[in-house]
Amino acid sequence: MGFMGLRHKGTEILFSWEWNAVVDGLDILYGYINQVKEEKISKEDLTNLDSDIIPAEDNKYDLGDPDKEWRNIRAHYGYFEDDVYARGSRVLVDGDPVRVYEFIEKAKEDIDQIYNLEVDISSKADSIKQELDLVKQYVEEIRANTERAETFNTYALAVGTSPIPLSDVDKTVRRIHVKVPSWESYLLYVGSADKQEFILEPKDETTLEVKNPKNVYVRSLGNITIYVGLEE
């Protein structure tokens, strides 16, 4: 017997109440089918969900399978209770989850440090090269200054208010030494024939890297005597 009180019949007469029960049963079945259809989620609904997706039971259902995988999964956070695999390997170290973001930040720091170190090394290399160039220059100057002159001629020169050359004749020398005695009362002005602006006070002395003493002119504000030394 069915749930509506109907039973299977042979060739007996179908009474009206039996037919009405059949109609009622069909109506109930129709309504149930429509209700199921209404509760189904359409494809359009899946592209714009406004609610959470929560399985009916914990740790039972899968999202995709080895033969049909999702191409991309995008999210802000991910929490995994058991294992995580990347390219077929477990993302675990001695059973502890690996914090990938920490490695990324550390890698960024290492890259920045390497870059800064390279820049620093390059800067220091330039600085060292400059210092080596200066040392080379100093060595050359020391070598030139310490080489013994073949001859060293000294003489006293009377200087007044009018500019005069250190020598009346052209000659080639290695360097020129000029000294103002301590007992003199006036300043000595040294320079070219046009102007003399380099000042030597009494007790001062200087070395000039000039090859011809005739090109060096001196004067004073009064009459003084200076000493000139020529390295030849």
C-alpha atoms as a PDB file:
ATOM      1  CA  MET A   1       0.000   0.000   0.000  1.00  0.00           C
ATOM      2  CA  GLY A   2       1.286   3.509  -0.876  1.00  0.00           C
ATOM      3  CA  PHE A   3       1.667   6.416   1.550  1.00  0.00           C
ATOM      4  CA  MET A   4      -1.630   7.922   0.259  1.00  0.00           C
ATOM      5  CA  GLY A   5      -3.581   4.748   1.249  1.00  0.00           C
ATOM      6  CA  LEU A   6      -3.590   3.439  -2.322  1.00  0.00           C
ATOM      7  CA  ARG A   7      -2.987  -0.178  -3.162  1.00  0.00           C
ATOM      8  CA  HIS A   8      -2.227  -2.039  -6.329  1.00  0.00           C
ATOM      9  CA  LYS A   9      -5.361  -3.022  -8.259  1.00  0.00           C
ATOM     10  CA  GLY A  10      -6.195  -5.691 -10.738  1.00  0.00           C
ATOM     11  CA  THR A  11      -9.239  -5.295 -12.959  1.00  0.00           C
ATOM     12  CA  GLU A  12     -11.393  -3.828 -10.201  1.00  0.00           C
ATOM     13  CA  ILE A  13     -13.385  -0.665 -10.622  1.00  0.00           C
ATOM     14  CA  LEU A  14     -11.406   2.575  -9.841  1.00  0.00           C
ATOM     15  CA  PHE A  15     -13.405   4.590  -7.351  1.00  0.00           C
ATOM     16  CA  SER A  16     -13.396   8.393  -7.371  1.00  0.00           C
ATOM     17  CA  TRP A  17     -11.611   8.725  -4.012  1.00  0.00           C
ATOM     18  CA  GLU A  18      -8.827   6.530  -5.340  1.00  0.00           C
ATOM     19  CA  TRP A  19      -8.393   8.705  -8.428  1.00  0.00           C
ATOM     20  CA  ASN A  20      -8.403  11.832  -6.281  1.00  0.00           C
ATOM     21  CA  ALA A  21      -5.651  10.353  -4.124  1.00  0.00           C
ATOM     22  CA  VAL A  22      -3.564   9.744  -7.253  1.00  0.00           C
ATOM     23  CA  VAL A  23      -4.003  13.372  -8.294  1.00  0.00           C
ATOM     24  CA  ASP A  24      -3.050  14.565  -4.803  1.00  0.00           C
ATOM     25  CA  GLY A  25       0.050  12.380  -4.841  1.00  0.00           C
ATOM     26  CA  LEU A  26       1.102  13.760  -8.231  1.00  0.00           C
ATOM     27  CA  ASP A  27       0.650  17.306  -6.927  1.00  0.00           C
ATOM     28  CA  ILE A  28       2.837  16.552  -3.922  1.00  0.00           C
ATOM     29  CA  LEU A  29       5.538  15.008  -6.150  1.00  0.00           C
ATOM     30  CA  TYR A  30       5.444  17.984  -8.513  1.00  0.00           C
ATOM     31  CA  GLY A  31       5.826  20.430  -5.676  1.00  0.00           C
ATOM     32  CA  TYR A  32       8.775  18.509  -4.202  1.00  0.00           C
ATOM     33  CA  ILE A  33      10.582  18.428  -7.570  1.00  0.00           C
ATOM     34  CA  ASN A  34      10.131  22.183  -8.054  1.00  0.00           C
ATOM     35  CA  GLN A  35      11.415  22.876  -4.551  1.00  0.00           C
ATOM     36  CA  VAL A  36      14.586  20.872  -5.225  1.00  0.00           C
ATOM     37  CA  LYS A  37      15.155  22.755  -8.469  1.00  0.00           C
ATOM     38  CA  GLU A  38      14.764  26.103  -6.710  1.00  0.00           C
ATOM     39  CA  GLU A  39      17.352  25.138  -4.092  1.00  0.00           C
ATOM     40  CA  LYS A  40      20.029  24.197  -6.660  1.00  0.00           C
ATOM     41  CA  ILE A  41      22.922  26.698  -7.160  1.00  0.00           C
ATOM     42  CA  SER A  42      23.260  27.925 -10.714  1.00  0.00           C
ATOM     43  CA  LYS A  43      26.561  28.573 -12.512  1.00  0.00           C
ATOM     44  CA  GLU A  44      25.888  32.285 -12.398  1.00  0.00           C
ATOM     45  CA  ASP A  45      25.575  32.132  -8.618  1.00  0.00           C
ATOM     46  CA  LEU A  46      29.030  30.509  -8.311  1.00  0.00           C
ATOM     47  CA  THR A  47      30.729  33.441 -10.103  1.00  0.00           C
ATOM     48  CA  ASN A  48      29.482  35.967  -7.559  1.00  0.00           C
ATOM     49  CA  LEU A  49      28.956  34.403  -4.155  1.00  0.00           C
ATOM     50  CA  ASP A  50      27.888  36.591  -1.265  1.00  0.00           C
ATOM     51  CA  SER A  51      28.385  33.982   1.454  1.00  0.00           C
ATOM     52  CA  ASP A  52      30.920  31.524   2.857  1.00  0.00           C
ATOM     53  CA  ILE A  53      31.484  28.048   1.407  1.00  0.00           C
ATOM     54  CA  ILE A  54      31.433  25.656   4.334  1.00  0.00           C
ATOM     55  CA  PRO A  55      31.376  21.843   3.967  1.00  0.00           C
ATOM     56  CA  ALA A  56      28.716  19.861   5.781  1.00  0.00           C
ATOM     57  CA  GLU A  57      31.375  17.752   7.546  1.00  0.00           C
ATOM     58  CA  ASP A  58      34.921  18.452   8.671  1.00  0.00           C
ATOM     59  CA  ASN A  59      37.870  16.966   6.755  1.00  0.00           C
ATOM     60  CA  LYS A  60      35.763  15.001   4.286  1.00  0.00           C
ATOM     61  CA  TYR A  61      35.391  16.787   0.965  1.00  0.00           C
ATOM     62  CA  ASP A  62      37.987  17.772  -1.671  1.00  0.00           C
ATOM     63  CA  LEU A  63      38.362  20.814  -3.897  1.00  0.00           C
ATOM     64  CA  GLY A  64      39.610  19.416  -7.202  1.00  0.00           C
ATOM     65  CA  ASP A  65      41.494  16.130  -7.703  1.00  0.00           C
ATOM     66  CA  PRO A  66      44.843  15.015  -9.199  1.00  0.00           C
ATOM     67  CA  ASP A  67      43.370  14.754 -12.701  1.00  0.00           C
ATOM     68  CA  LYS A  68      41.214  17.895 -12.578  1.00  0.00           C
ATOM     69  CA  GLU A  69      43.000  20.661 -10.707  1.00  0.00           C
ATOM     70  CA  TRP A  70      42.112  24.297 -10.267  1.00  0.00           C
ATOM     71  CA  ARG A  71      44.434  26.476 -12.357  1.00  0.00           C
ATOM     72  CA  ASN A  72      44.777  29.391  -9.888  1.00  0.00           C
ATOM     73  CA  ILE A  73      43.671  29.925  -6.322  1.00  0.00           C
ATOM     74  CA  ARG A  74      43.857  33.505  -5.051  1.00  0.00           C
ATOM     75  CA  ALA A  75      43.327  34.485  -1.436  1.00  0.00           C
ATOM     76  CA  HIS A  76      44.645  36.773   1.288  1.00  0.00           C
ATOM     77  CA  TYR A  77      45.376  34.151   3.914  1.00  0.00           C
ATOM     78  CA  GLY A  78      45.681  30.377   4.124  1.00  0.00           C
ATOM     79  CA  TYR A  79      45.540  28.177   7.198  1.00  0.00           C
ATOM     80  CA  PHE A  80      46.420  24.491   6.919  1.00  0.00           C
ATOM     81  CA  GLU A  81      46.016  22.086   9.811  1.00  0.00           C
ATOM     82  CA  ASP A  82      48.168  19.251   8.434  1.00  0.00           C
ATOM     83  CA  ASP A  83      50.440  19.312   5.364  1.00  0.00           C
ATOM     84  CA  VAL A  84      51.190  21.746   2.556  1.00  0.00           C
ATOM     85  CA  TYR A  85      52.824  20.627  -0.681  1.00  0.00           C
ATOM     86  CA  ALA A  86      54.594  22.790  -3.257  1.00  0.00           C
ATOM     87  CA  ARG A  87      55.682  21.203  -6.551  1.00  0.00           C
ATOM     88  CA  GLY A  88      55.223  17.763  -5.076  1.00  0.00           C
ATOM     89  CA  SER A  89      57.300  18.388  -1.934  1.00  0.00           C
ATOM     90  CA  ARG A  90      56.152  18.959   1.622  1.00  0.00           C
ATOM     91  CA  VAL A  91      56.645  22.487   2.888  1.00  0.00           C
ATOM     92  CA  LEU A  92      57.792  21.268   6.287  1.00  0.00           C
ATOM     93  CA  VAL A  93      61.072  21.362   8.216  1.00  0.00           C
ATOM     94  CA  ASP A  94      61.367  18.783  11.003  1.00  0.00           C
ATOM     95  CA  GLY A  95      57.618  18.826  11.348  1.00  0.00           C
ATOM     96  CA  ASP A  96      57.410  22.606  11.782  1.00  0.00           C
ATOM     97  CA  PRO A  97      55.608  24.663   9.130  1.00  0.00           C
ATOM     98  CA  VAL A  98      57.917  26.824   7.045  1.00  0.00           C
ATOM     99  CA  ARG A  99      57.093  30.522   7.061  1.00  0.00           C
ATOM    100  CA  VAL A 100      57.780  31.278   3.446  1.00  0.00           C
ATOM    101  CA  TYR A 101      57.227  35.010   3.845  1.00  0.00           C
ATOM    102  CA  GLU A 102      60.070  35.127   6.362  1.00  0.00           C
ATOM    103  CA  PHE A 103      62.436  33.644   3.785  1.00  0.00           C
ATOM    104  CA  ILE A 104      61.262  36.159   1.204  1.00  0.00           C
ATOM    105  CA  GLU A 105      61.886  39.095   3.551  1.00  0.00           C
ATOM    106  CA  LYS A 106      65.281  37.663   4.519  1.00  0.00           C
ATOM    107  CA  ALA A 107      66.160  37.159   0.852  1.00  0.00           C
ATOM    108  CA  LYS A 108      65.212  40.780   0.144  1.00  0.00           C
ATOM    109  CA  GLU A 109      67.411  41.937   3.013  1.00  0.00           C
ATOM    110  CA  ASP A 110      70.309  39.798   1.768  1.00  0.00           C
ATOM    111  CA  ILE A 111      69.930  41.184  -1.756  1.00  0.00           C
ATOM    112  CA  ASP A 112      69.868  44.744  -0.411  1.00  0.00           C
ATOM    113  CA  GLN A 113      72.955  44.045   1.695  1.00  0.00           C
ATOM    114  CA  ILE A 114      74.786  42.536  -1.281  1.00  0.00           C
ATOM    115  CA  TYR A 115      73.864  45.542  -3.429  1.00  0.00           C
ATOM    116  CA  ASN A 116      74.924  48.013  -0.732  1.00  0.00           C
ATOM    117  CA  LEU A 117      78.149  46.045  -0.214  1.00  0.00           C
ATOM    118  CA  GLU A 118      78.872  46.153  -3.929  1.00  0.00           C
ATOM    119  CA  VAL A 119      78.234  49.902  -4.019  1.00  0.00           C
ATOM    120  CA  ASP A 120      80.372  50.361  -0.909  1.00  0.00           C
ATOM    121  CA  ILE A 121      83.202  48.257  -2.362  1.00  0.00           C
ATOM    122  CA  SER A 122      83.026  50.199  -5.626  1.00  0.00           C
ATOM    123  CA  SER A 123      83.109  53.491  -3.728  1.00  0.00           C
ATOM    124  CA  LYS A 124      86.021  52.308  -1.569  1.00  0.00           C
ATOM    125  CA  ALA A 125      87.852  51.072  -4.663  1.00  0.00           C
ATOM    126  CA  ASP A 126      87.548  54.529  -6.218  1.00  0.00           C
ATOM    127  CA  SER A 127      88.728  56.094  -2.964  1.00  0.00           C
ATOM    128  CA  ILE A 128      91.683  53.683  -2.733  1.00  0.00           C
ATOM    129  CA  LYS A 129      92.623  54.455  -6.342  1.00  0.00           C
ATOM    130  CA  GLN A 130      92.580  58.160  -5.581  1.00  0.00           C
ATOM    131  CA  GLU A 131      94.703  57.609  -2.496  1.00  0.00           C
ATOM    132  CA  LEU A 132      97.150  55.477  -4.478  1.00  0.00           C
ATOM    133  CA  ASP A 133      97.386  58.216  -7.095  1.00  0.00           C
ATOM    134  CA  LEU A 134      98.160  60.721  -4.332  1.00  0.00           C
ATOM    135  CA  VAL A 135     100.772  58.389  -2.830  1.00  0.00           C
ATOM    136  CA  LYS A 136     102.346  57.979  -6.250  1.00  0.00           C
ATOM    137  CA  GLN A 137     102.404  61.746  -6.648  1.00  0.00           C
ATOM    138  CA  TYR A 138     103.959  62.188  -3.204  1.00  0.00           C
ATOM    139  CA  VAL A 139     106.584  59.533  -3.967  1.00  0.00           C
ATOM    140  CA  GLU A 140     107.494  61.291  -7.184  1.00  0.00           C
ATOM    141  CA  GLU A 141     107.770  64.597  -5.326  1.00  0.00           C
ATOM    142  CA  ILE A 142     109.890  63.026  -2.587  1.00  0.00           C
ATOM    143  CA  ARG A 143     112.107  61.362  -5.169  1.00  0.00           C
ATOM    144  CA  ALA A 144     112.531  64.623  -7.023  1.00  0.00           C
ATOM    145  CA  ASN A 145     113.236  66.524  -3.809  1.00  0.00           C
ATOM    146  CA  THR A 146     115.715  63.977  -2.493  1.00  0.00           C
ATOM    147  CA  GLU A 147     117.733  63.626  -5.674  1.00  0.00           C
ATOM    148  CA  ARG A 148     121.054  65.285  -5.193  1.00  0.00           C
ATOM    149  CA  ALA A 149     121.715  68.290  -7.377  1.00  0.00           C
ATOM    150  CA  GLU A 150     124.785  68.240  -9.552  1.00  0.00           C
ATOM    151  CA  THR A 151     125.577  71.796  -8.424  1.00  0.00           C
ATOM    152  CA  PHE A 152     124.058  74.148  -5.864  1.00  0.00           C
ATOM    153  CA  ASN A 153     124.880  77.800  -6.317  1.00  0.00           C
ATOM    154  CA  THR A 154     123.966  80.391  -3.680  1.00  0.00           C
ATOM    155  CA  TYR A 155     124.325  84.129  -3.734  1.00  0.00           C
ATOM    156  CA  ALA A 156     123.032  87.263  -1.998  1.00  0.00           C
ATOM    157  CA  LEU A 157     120.721  89.545  -3.927  1.00  0.00           C
ATOM    158  CA  ALA A 158     119.958  93.167  -3.054  1.00  0.00           C
ATOM    159  CA  VAL A 159     116.268  93.950  -3.473  1.00  0.00           C
ATOM    160  CA  GLY A 160     114.588  97.361  -3.498  1.00  0.00           C
ATOM    161  CA  THR A 161     111.154  98.764  -4.299  1.00  0.00           C
ATOM    162  CA  SER A 162     111.455  98.087  -8.043  1.00  0.00           C
ATOM    163  CA  PRO A 163     110.906  94.495  -9.301  1.00  0.00           C
ATOM    164  CA  ILE A 164     114.091  92.716 -10.401  1.00  0.00           C
ATOM    165  CA  PRO A 165     114.697  89.141 -11.649  1.00  0.00           C
ATOM    166  CA  LEU A 166     116.517  86.602  -9.514  1.00  0.00           C
ATOM    167  CA  SER A 167     119.072  86.253 -12.312  1.00  0.00           C
ATOM    168  CA  ASP A 168     120.170  88.506 -15.125  1.00  0.00           C
ATOM    169  CA  VAL A 169     120.895  85.614 -17.470  1.00  0.00           C
ATOM    170  CA  ASP A 170     118.771  82.756 -18.792  1.00  0.00           C
ATOM    171  CA  LYS A 171     119.682  79.397 -17.306  1.00  0.00           C
ATOM    172  CA  THR A 172     117.948  76.086 -16.677  1.00  0.00           C
ATOM    173  CA  VAL A 173     117.761  74.864 -13.090  1.00  0.00           C
ATOM    174  CA  ARG A 174     115.919  72.117 -11.262  1.00  0.00           C
ATOM    175  CA  ARG A 175     114.486  74.357  -8.560  1.00  0.00           C
ATOM    176  CA  ILE A 176     115.045  77.706  -6.844  1.00  0.00           C
ATOM    177  CA  HIS A 177     115.386  78.374  -3.102  1.00  0.00           C
ATOM    178  CA  VAL A 178     114.678  81.846  -1.706  1.00  0.00           C
ATOM    179  CA  LYS A 179     115.306  82.902   1.926  1.00  0.00           C
ATOM    180  CA  VAL A 180     114.670  86.198   3.716  1.00  0.00           C
ATOM    181  CA  PRO A 181     117.106  86.722   6.652  1.00  0.00           C
ATOM    182  CA  SER A 182     115.596  87.194  10.081  1.00  0.00           C
ATOM    183  CA  TRP A 183     117.230  90.590  10.605  1.00  0.00           C
ATOM    184  CA  GLU A 184     115.555  92.243   7.637  1.00  0.00           C
ATOM    185  CA  SER A 185     112.683  94.685   8.367  1.00  0.00           C
ATOM    186  CA  TYR A 186     110.654  94.513   5.152  1.00  0.00           C
ATOM    187  CA  LEU A 187     108.493  91.904   3.428  1.00  0.00           C
ATOM    188  CA  LEU A 188     109.590  90.269   0.189  1.00  0.00           C
ATOM    189  CA  TYR A 189     107.118  90.036  -2.721  1.00  0.00           C
ATOM    190  CA  VAL A 190     107.685  87.244  -5.261  1.00  0.00           C
ATOM    191  CA  GLY A 191     106.032  86.723  -8.639  1.00  0.00           C
ATOM    192  CA  SER A 192     106.334  87.347 -12.351  1.00  0.00           C
ATOM    193  CA  ALA A 193     107.455  90.445 -14.203  1.00  0.00           C
ATOM    194  CA  ASP A 194     103.874  91.770 -14.245  1.00  0.00           C
ATOM    195  CA  LYS A 195     102.987  91.364 -10.557  1.00  0.00           C
ATOM    196  CA  GLN A 196     104.472  90.002  -7.378  1.00  0.00           C
ATOM    197  CA  GLU A 197     101.873  88.860  -4.846  1.00  0.00           C
ATOM    198  CA  PHE A 198     103.508  85.949  -2.990  1.00  0.00           C
ATOM    199  CA  ILE A 199     104.755  87.311   0.339  1.00  0.00           C
ATOM    200  CA  LEU A 200     107.716  86.129   2.406  1.00  0.00           C
ATOM    201  CA  GLU A 201     108.302  87.552   5.858  1.00  0.00           C
ATOM    202  CA  PRO A 202     111.697  87.786   7.592  1.00  0.00           C
ATOM    203  CA  LYS A 203     112.917  84.242   8.494  1.00  0.00           C
ATOM    204  CA  ASP A 204     110.690  82.751   5.749  1.00  0.00           C
ATOM    205  CA  GLU A 205     112.041  80.610   2.950  1.00  0.00           C
ATOM    206  CA  THR A 206     110.448  78.868  -0.012  1.00  0.00           C
ATOM    207  CA  THR A 207     111.286  76.501  -2.868  1.00  0.00           C
ATOM    208  CA  LEU A 208     110.114  77.392  -6.355  1.00  0.00           C
ATOM    209  CA  GLU A 209     109.598  74.744  -9.040  1.00  0.00           C
ATOM    210  CA  VAL A 210     110.655  77.162 -11.767  1.00  0.00           C
ATOM    211  CA  LYS A 211     113.242  76.189 -14.352  1.00  0.00           C
ATOM    212  CA  ASN A 212     114.551  79.683 -15.176  1.00  0.00           C
ATOM    213  CA  PRO A 213     115.391  82.154 -12.354  1.00  0.00           C
ATOM    214  CA  LYS A 214     115.238  85.028 -14.834  1.00  0.00           C
ATOM    215  CA  ASN A 215     111.457  84.570 -14.965  1.00  0.00           C
ATOM    216  CA  VAL A 216     111.067  85.113 -11.194  1.00  0.00           C
ATOM    217  CA  TYR A 217     110.832  88.725 -10.021  1.00  0.00           C
ATOM    218  CA  VAL A 218     111.084  90.099  -6.478  1.00  0.00           C
ATOM    219  CA  ARG A 219     110.567  93.459  -4.792  1.00  0.00           C
ATOM    220  CA  SER A 220     110.211  94.919  -1.311  1.00  0.00           C
ATOM    221  CA  LEU A 221     108.914  97.989   0.459  1.00  0.00           C
ATOM    222  CA  GLY A 222     112.473  98.956   1.350  1.00  0.00           C
ATOM    223  CA  ASN A 223     116.020  97.877   0.713  1.00  0.00           C
ATOM    224  CA  ILE A 224     116.783  94.331   1.879  1.00  0.00           C
ATOM    225  CA  THR A 225     119.192  91.537   1.051  1.00  0.00           C
ATOM    226  CA  ILE A 226     117.923  88.018   0.317  1.00  0.00           C
ATOM    227  CA  TYR A 227     119.665  84.699  -0.368  1.00  0.00           C
ATOM    228  CA  VAL A 228     119.031  82.703  -3.526  1.00  0.00           C
ATOM    229  CA  GLY A 229     120.005  79.057  -4.069  1.00  0.00           C
ATOM    230  CA  LEU A 230     119.942  77.423  -7.512  1.00  0.00           C
ATOM    231  CA  GLU A 231     119.940  73.631  -7.971  1.00  0.00           C
ATOM    232  CA  GLU A 232     121.433  72.825 -11.334  1.00  0.00           C
END
